[in-house]
Amino acid sequence: MNNHNAILSAFEHYKSGNLQKAESVLEEILKKQPDNANALNIIGLINYQTGRYDAAIKYFKKALKFSPANARIYLNIGNVLKDMVQSDQAVLYYQKALQFDPNLFEAYHNLGMVLQDKDQPDEAISCYEKALLINPHLADSFYNLGTIFYERGQFDEAITFYQKAVQINPELVEAYFNLGNSFREKEQFDEAIRCYQQFVRLNPSHADAYYYIGNVFATQNKLSEAIESYRQAIAINPVHADALLNKGFALQVRGNFEEALESYHLSLQINPDSVGVYNNLGNLLINLGQVNEAETCFRRAIQINPEFSIPYSNLLFAINYNSRYDAQHIFAEHLQFAELFEKPLLFYNTSYNNDKTSQRRLRIGYISTDFRKHSVAYFIEPILAANSREHFEVFCYSVVPVEDDVTKRLQKHSEHWRNISGMSDEKAAELIQKDGIDILVDLAGHTANNRILLFARKPAPVQINWIGYPATTGLSTIDYKIVDSYTDPPGMTERFYTEKLIRMPETFLCYLPDSDSPDIGELPALTSGHITFGSFNNFAKVSPEILQLWTNILQSIPDSRLIMKAKSLSDKSTREYVAELFSLKGITAGRIELLSWEPSVKRHLENYNRIDIALDTFPYNGTTTTCEAIWMGVPVITLAGKSHASRVGVSLLSNIGISDLIAETPDKYIEITINLSKDLNKLQSLRKILRNMMECSPLTDSKQFTRNLERCYYNIWEDWCNKH
């Protein structure tokens, strides 16, 4: 066999994967003809393929001595150096290859890869584009271009390149995954899921793909689909801590608390320092009424990552439920939050270009996580609807990723609607300044998904906290808090706020009853033969102290019953826990009825037709539940405290005209309740007139309330103008 045929034979062995035979043939050739560049090049490729990089380079360089203008040999040396992460040397050899063969598209593509790894994206893009001009069917070049633009946040361009890559090579698995990521970033969730699903069809054992599918479903509030996707991820990878965490959260939102707890604990076994698990677990424990345990979780999350503000906000919210803490302690914790998280952002405070004319049309911005089916919507919708468009231009900044019917209704009342749910605080602050907002109103405080640190950047000259949170925010950048003289009597609470209090003339709230409210039924005691008490508050508000008062009431009225309704009561273990609490105090299970969450507002309200008297919680009073009860003709007994959270009941009952149901002491709470339960005539009378009393009260007079609020806005704006 002559050398030419031997070379061909060796190359065939090389291509078929018979490297040992190919190498043997080539060595025989080189014994006879040591200057055979082709043989040296192929044996160099064999050494490269088998990981013998130094030997490969030796053979390639020797081949160059006999074929110094061979572009492919330069390309091969560049490839070896690239894999050896000798990037600068690899670049030189690729450039040398292109000097000898400007149409060697592989050299452009591989040079692009090296430059991309060297964080020189513009130069890499140029190389990929040149490679594609020569060979427009290079799927990998399109894929790499997609990756560069994805990392730049240019998702439209990334999508275009990834789609071209899979059009050329439908088996390019990773492109589908990254294409899904790009659509997810653009919130094109259906397209994202389709791409992820194509990816798992090609790679069914990839746990992360199912995990991301679950995340997209969760974002769309398709919780059943999300949970199933997380389960598939966990089946593939049982130690996928993030899938366990997110599965737990989806279960928690859906009300499957026992399963959620199990998922969180499994995630912690894998990653015992997971801030996300401790934070979510804390929120779950609040729902279960275990506020002390929740606090422990939040503090653990803070200990692991002291720079993460969300667990600290959740901690602040949690301690409002906890009767162990007085107003001074709660205030001090809020100041500590500000020291840690607001102080570093104060440099953002800037000058304002707002027109300082005091009586012009003002721009009011409302920021809320609850422009949706949520309690806050009952109190902001009547204000938006009654807003004077002649004098006020309203902007709503929504932090609601999945909008519902309530969101759409609120949008109709807002002149400008901005969804900032996926926007950074910095970008949102820039948007608010660009909108020229004069007065910015926070409706969340430290409740879930808040944007409190957006307010720390002071994007508007005047900032107010209102409605959603029953304590100070702790921030020096929030100037005012809207209250009334019932929640915050002059001289009682001012020292517990960093904000200046604005006391509304009558009530700090305006309630909009549900348009689909059922009719009020007859007094249940007339047919049941016994008094039925009720509390539909979040179970976290049922403190040990109030539980003892309810127990005393039930013991004092032997035939009475208590109906409790809360989302957490859909959980079997929580129901058993509550039943045991009463059982230990001598109240049999037959006297306690526990109802879970009801998605239909009408059916939820119909449950009030089973209650004779509603019992308010303490130290964190009900708000929406108190309004609902009274609207349904059910009188509410409340216990007045010394803080805003424990005096909301005082405000509501006083404004409706039933202040005789306000107790100043625990003993009086029991006395008022027992006396009212004995007076069926009064209960019957209240049932017939309470809805009308509410309709005629300041609490539902949206026009008057909004005029009062707007006067406050003008007053504080004039004050700012005078000072600046």
Foldseek 3Di string as FASTA:
>chain_A
DDPVVLLVVLVVCVVVPVNVVSLVSLVVSCVVPVQPLSSLQVPLVSCLVVPVLVSSLVSLVSSCVNVVLQLVSLQVNLVSCVVVVVLVSSLVSLVSSCVSPVLPLSSLQVNLVSCVVVVNNVSSLVSLVSSCVSPVLPLVSLQVQLVSCVVVVNLVSSLVSLVSSCVSPVLPLVSLQVNLVSCVSVVVLVSSLVSLVSNCVNVVLQLVSLQVNLVSCVLQVVLVSSLVSLVSSCVSPVQPLVSLLVNLLSCLVVLQNVSSVVSLVSSCVNPVQDLSSLQSVLVSVLLLQNLVSSLVSLVSSCVSPVLDLLSLLVNLQSVLLAPVDDLVVSLVSLLVSCVRQLVVQLVLDDDAPADLPLQAQAEEEEEDQPLAPDLLLQWVQLLLQQDDPRRYQYEYEYLHSHHDPSNVSSVVSHNHYHDCNVPDLVVVLVVLRVVRHAEYEYAAQSHPPGPVSSLSSVSHLAYEYEHHGFFESSHLSHAEYEFACQLPPPPQCPVSYSHHYDHFPAGRTAGDDDPLADAADFQQCVPVVEAEEEDADSSNLAYPVNVVLVLVLCVVRVVYAYEYEEQNLVHPVSVVVVQVVSVVSPDHPVRYHYHHDDPDPRVVLVVLSNHLAYEFGPPQTDDSRCVSNLLSLHHYAAEADRGSRRRNVVSVCVQLPNNVSYHPDSVVNSVSVNVVRVCVVVSRVSSVCSNVSSVPTPNHPSNVSSVSVVVVVSVVSNVSSVVD
